[in-house]
Amino acid sequence: MAYQKLQSSRAAVVTPSDTVNIPSVSSQDGSGNNGCVLYVAGAGNLRVLTVGGDDVLFSNIQGGSFLPVQVKRVFSTNTTATGIVALW
């Protein structure tokens, strides 16, 4: 049986960008983000790039939700959700 981590030890506010990945909090230069899950405080749409390279639009995400997908970028285009926090 696979183990799924249910707690996070690090968190960072996400600034959506069409060109810049979410910086890794586990390296000094911010490179090497192997993916994070997201907390969304304010409802809306969320366009992400997964660690597998998929560009996906999640529509109508409810405020106070977690997105259990390994994400490396939150796009500013088509993202209307607010209060996005990356969790590792």
N, C-alpha and C. Protein backbone atom coordinates (compact mmCIF):
# COMPACT_ATOMS: atom_id res chain seq x y z
N MET A 1 0.84 -1.18 0.00
CA MET A 1 0.00 0.00 0.00
C MET A 1 0.88 1.24 0.00
N ALA A 2 0.53 2.20 -0.86
CA ALA A 2 1.30 3.43 -0.95
C ALA A 2 0.96 4.34 0.22
N TYR A 3 1.95 5.05 0.71
CA TYR A 3 1.76 6.00 1.80
C TYR A 3 1.50 7.38 1.22
N GLN A 4 0.47 8.04 1.64
CA GLN A 4 0.19 9.40 1.22
C GLN A 4 0.38 10.33 2.40
N LYS A 5 1.23 11.31 2.20
CA LYS A 5 1.49 12.30 3.24
C LYS A 5 0.28 13.22 3.37
N LEU A 6 -0.24 13.36 4.57
CA LEU A 6 -1.43 14.16 4.77
C LEU A 6 -1.14 15.49 5.46
N GLN A 7 0.09 15.71 5.84
CA GLN A 7 0.47 16.98 6.46
C GLN A 7 1.57 17.62 5.64
N SER A 8 1.66 18.94 5.77
CA SER A 8 2.71 19.69 5.08
C SER A 8 3.66 20.26 6.11
N SER A 9 4.91 20.38 5.70
CA SER A 9 5.89 20.97 6.61
C SER A 9 6.34 22.35 6.14
N ARG A 10 6.01 22.71 4.89
CA ARG A 10 6.37 24.03 4.36
C ARG A 10 5.20 24.61 3.59
N ALA A 11 5.14 25.93 3.50
CA ALA A 11 4.08 26.61 2.76
C ALA A 11 4.61 27.94 2.23
N ALA A 12 4.04 28.38 1.10
CA ALA A 12 4.42 29.67 0.52
C ALA A 12 3.25 30.21 -0.30
N VAL A 13 3.06 31.51 -0.24
CA VAL A 13 2.02 32.17 -1.04
C VAL A 13 2.43 32.08 -2.51
N VAL A 14 1.46 31.79 -3.38
CA VAL A 14 1.72 31.64 -4.81
C VAL A 14 1.31 32.91 -5.55
N THR A 15 2.21 33.41 -6.38
CA THR A 15 1.90 34.49 -7.29
C THR A 15 1.74 33.88 -8.68
N PRO A 16 0.51 33.85 -9.21
CA PRO A 16 0.32 33.24 -10.53
C PRO A 16 1.17 33.92 -11.59
N SER A 17 1.72 33.11 -12.51
CA SER A 17 2.57 33.61 -13.59
C SER A 17 2.45 32.68 -14.79
N ASP A 18 2.44 33.25 -15.98
CA ASP A 18 2.40 32.43 -17.19
C ASP A 18 3.78 31.92 -17.58
N THR A 19 4.84 32.41 -16.94
CA THR A 19 6.19 32.03 -17.35
C THR A 19 7.07 31.47 -16.23
N VAL A 20 6.71 31.70 -14.97
CA VAL A 20 7.58 31.33 -13.86
C VAL A 20 6.94 30.23 -13.02
N ASN A 21 7.70 29.16 -12.77
CA ASN A 21 7.22 28.08 -11.90
C ASN A 21 7.22 28.53 -10.44
N ILE A 22 6.47 27.83 -9.62
CA ILE A 22 6.46 28.08 -8.19
C ILE A 22 7.85 27.76 -7.65
N PRO A 23 8.52 28.70 -7.00
CA PRO A 23 9.86 28.42 -6.48
C PRO A 23 9.81 27.35 -5.39
N SER A 24 10.81 26.51 -5.37
CA SER A 24 10.89 25.49 -4.34
C SER A 24 11.39 26.10 -3.04
N VAL A 25 10.72 25.78 -1.94
CA VAL A 25 11.17 26.28 -0.65
C VAL A 25 12.24 25.37 -0.05
N SER A 26 12.51 24.26 -0.72
CA SER A 26 13.47 23.30 -0.17
C SER A 26 14.88 23.48 -0.73
N SER A 27 15.08 24.45 -1.63
CA SER A 27 16.42 24.71 -2.14
C SER A 27 16.73 26.20 -1.97
N GLN A 28 18.01 26.52 -1.84
CA GLN A 28 18.39 27.90 -1.57
C GLN A 28 18.09 28.83 -2.74
N ASP A 29 18.20 28.34 -3.98
CA ASP A 29 17.97 29.21 -5.13
C ASP A 29 16.54 29.12 -5.68
N GLY A 30 15.68 28.31 -5.07
CA GLY A 30 14.28 28.22 -5.49
C GLY A 30 14.04 27.30 -6.67
N SER A 31 15.12 26.66 -7.17
CA SER A 31 14.95 25.76 -8.32
C SER A 31 14.59 24.36 -7.85
N GLY A 32 14.18 23.54 -8.78
CA GLY A 32 13.95 22.13 -8.48
C GLY A 32 12.63 21.81 -7.82
N ASN A 33 11.57 22.58 -8.09
CA ASN A 33 10.27 22.27 -7.52
C ASN A 33 9.77 20.95 -8.09
N ASN A 34 9.65 19.95 -7.24
CA ASN A 34 9.16 18.64 -7.66
C ASN A 34 7.64 18.53 -7.52
N GLY A 35 6.99 19.63 -7.31
CA GLY A 35 5.55 19.66 -7.21
C GLY A 35 5.07 19.94 -5.80
N CYS A 36 3.92 20.56 -5.73
CA CYS A 36 3.30 20.88 -4.45
C CYS A 36 1.79 20.76 -4.62
N VAL A 37 1.09 20.61 -3.54
CA VAL A 37 -0.36 20.69 -3.58
C VAL A 37 -0.75 22.12 -3.25
N LEU A 38 -1.97 22.49 -3.57
CA LEU A 38 -2.39 23.87 -3.40
C LEU A 38 -3.58 23.98 -2.46
N TYR A 39 -3.59 25.07 -1.70
CA TYR A 39 -4.76 25.48 -0.93
C TYR A 39 -5.29 26.72 -1.62
N VAL A 40 -6.61 26.78 -1.83
CA VAL A 40 -7.24 27.91 -2.50
C VAL A 40 -8.23 28.56 -1.52
N ALA A 41 -7.96 29.79 -1.12
CA ALA A 41 -8.82 30.47 -0.15
C ALA A 41 -10.06 31.07 -0.80
N GLY A 42 -9.89 31.68 -1.99
CA GLY A 42 -11.01 32.33 -2.66
C GLY A 42 -11.45 31.59 -3.90
N ALA A 43 -12.74 31.35 -4.04
CA ALA A 43 -13.30 30.56 -5.12
C ALA A 43 -12.96 31.13 -6.50
N GLY A 44 -12.92 30.23 -7.49
CA GLY A 44 -12.69 30.64 -8.88
C GLY A 44 -12.10 29.52 -9.69
N ASN A 45 -11.59 29.89 -10.85
CA ASN A 45 -10.92 28.93 -11.74
C ASN A 45 -9.43 28.91 -11.45
N LEU A 46 -8.81 27.76 -11.69
CA LEU A 46 -7.39 27.59 -11.40
C LEU A 46 -6.74 26.84 -12.55
N ARG A 47 -5.86 27.53 -13.27
CA ARG A 47 -5.12 26.90 -14.37
C ARG A 47 -3.72 26.58 -13.89
N VAL A 48 -3.33 25.31 -14.01
CA VAL A 48 -2.05 24.87 -13.48
C VAL A 48 -1.26 24.07 -14.51
N LEU A 49 0.04 23.96 -14.24
CA LEU A 49 0.92 23.05 -14.96
C LEU A 49 1.34 21.99 -13.97
N THR A 50 1.02 20.73 -14.27
CA THR A 50 1.37 19.65 -13.36
C THR A 50 2.82 19.25 -13.55
N VAL A 51 3.37 18.49 -12.61
CA VAL A 51 4.75 18.02 -12.76
C VAL A 51 4.90 17.09 -13.94
N GLY A 52 3.80 16.50 -14.38
CA GLY A 52 3.82 15.64 -15.57
C GLY A 52 3.75 16.42 -16.87
N GLY A 53 3.62 17.76 -16.80
CA GLY A 53 3.60 18.60 -17.98
C GLY A 53 2.22 18.89 -18.54
N ASP A 54 1.16 18.58 -17.79
CA ASP A 54 -0.20 18.83 -18.25
C ASP A 54 -0.65 20.23 -17.87
N ASP A 55 -1.19 20.96 -18.85
CA ASP A 55 -1.76 22.29 -18.66
C ASP A 55 -3.26 22.07 -18.47
N VAL A 56 -3.76 22.28 -17.24
CA VAL A 56 -5.14 21.92 -16.90
C VAL A 56 -5.85 23.11 -16.26
N LEU A 57 -7.11 23.31 -16.66
CA LEU A 57 -7.95 24.33 -16.04
C LEU A 57 -8.97 23.63 -15.14
N PHE A 58 -8.90 23.92 -13.84
CA PHE A 58 -9.88 23.42 -12.88
C PHE A 58 -10.91 24.52 -12.70
N SER A 59 -12.15 24.25 -13.09
CA SER A 59 -13.21 25.26 -13.03
C SER A 59 -13.98 25.19 -11.73
N ASN A 60 -14.37 26.35 -11.25
CA ASN A 60 -15.25 26.47 -10.08
C ASN A 60 -14.69 25.82 -8.82
N ILE A 61 -13.42 26.03 -8.55
CA ILE A 61 -12.83 25.56 -7.29
C ILE A 61 -13.48 26.35 -6.16
N GLN A 62 -13.92 25.67 -5.14
CA GLN A 62 -14.55 26.33 -4.00
C GLN A 62 -13.51 26.93 -3.06
N GLY A 63 -13.83 28.05 -2.48
CA GLY A 63 -12.94 28.65 -1.50
C GLY A 63 -12.75 27.72 -0.31
N GLY A 64 -11.53 27.67 0.21
CA GLY A 64 -11.23 26.79 1.34
C GLY A 64 -10.92 25.37 0.91
N SER A 65 -10.61 25.18 -0.39
CA SER A 65 -10.35 23.84 -0.93
C SER A 65 -8.86 23.56 -1.07
N PHE A 66 -8.54 22.28 -1.07
CA PHE A 66 -7.20 21.80 -1.39
C PHE A 66 -7.25 21.14 -2.76
N LEU A 67 -6.22 21.36 -3.56
CA LEU A 67 -6.10 20.70 -4.86
C LEU A 67 -5.01 19.65 -4.74
N PRO A 68 -5.39 18.36 -4.63
CA PRO A 68 -4.42 17.29 -4.40
C PRO A 68 -3.75 16.82 -5.68
N VAL A 69 -3.14 17.75 -6.40
CA VAL A 69 -2.44 17.47 -7.66
C VAL A 69 -1.04 18.05 -7.52
N GLN A 70 -0.03 17.33 -7.97
CA GLN A 70 1.34 17.84 -7.90
C GLN A 70 1.53 18.91 -8.97
N VAL A 71 1.66 20.15 -8.52
CA VAL A 71 1.68 21.32 -9.39
C VAL A 71 3.04 21.99 -9.34
N LYS A 72 3.49 22.51 -10.52
CA LYS A 72 4.73 23.28 -10.50
C LYS A 72 4.53 24.72 -10.97
N ARG A 73 3.35 25.05 -11.55
CA ARG A 73 3.07 26.44 -11.93
C ARG A 73 1.57 26.70 -11.84
N VAL A 74 1.23 27.91 -11.40
CA VAL A 74 -0.14 28.40 -11.48
C VAL A 74 -0.10 29.54 -12.48
N PHE A 75 -0.84 29.38 -13.57
CA PHE A 75 -0.87 30.40 -14.62
C PHE A 75 -1.72 31.59 -14.19
N SER A 76 -1.31 32.78 -14.61
CA SER A 76 -2.13 33.96 -14.34
C SER A 76 -3.30 34.04 -15.33
N THR A 77 -3.07 33.60 -16.58
CA THR A 77 -4.14 33.57 -17.57
C THR A 77 -5.16 32.51 -17.19
N ASN A 78 -6.41 32.89 -17.12
CA ASN A 78 -7.55 32.01 -16.80
C ASN A 78 -7.66 31.63 -15.33
N THR A 79 -6.77 32.11 -14.47
CA THR A 79 -6.90 31.85 -13.03
C THR A 79 -7.63 33.02 -12.39
N THR A 80 -8.76 32.70 -11.77
CA THR A 80 -9.54 33.73 -11.07
C THR A 80 -9.60 33.45 -9.56
N ALA A 81 -9.17 32.27 -9.14
CA ALA A 81 -9.13 31.92 -7.72
C ALA A 81 -8.10 32.81 -7.03
N THR A 82 -8.29 33.03 -5.75
CA THR A 82 -7.40 33.91 -4.99
C THR A 82 -6.92 33.21 -3.71
N GLY A 83 -5.92 33.82 -3.10
CA GLY A 83 -5.41 33.29 -1.84
C GLY A 83 -4.82 31.89 -2.00
N ILE A 84 -4.00 31.72 -3.05
CA ILE A 84 -3.42 30.40 -3.35
C ILE A 84 -2.14 30.20 -2.57
N VAL A 85 -2.04 29.07 -1.90
CA VAL A 85 -0.86 28.75 -1.09
C VAL A 85 -0.33 27.39 -1.52
N ALA A 86 0.98 27.32 -1.77
CA ALA A 86 1.63 26.06 -2.12
C ALA A 86 2.03 25.34 -0.82
N LEU A 87 1.83 24.04 -0.79
CA LEU A 87 2.16 23.23 0.39
C LEU A 87 3.07 22.08 -0.02
N TRP A 88 4.15 21.89 0.76
CA TRP A 88 5.09 20.79 0.53
C TRP A 88 5.15 19.93 1.76
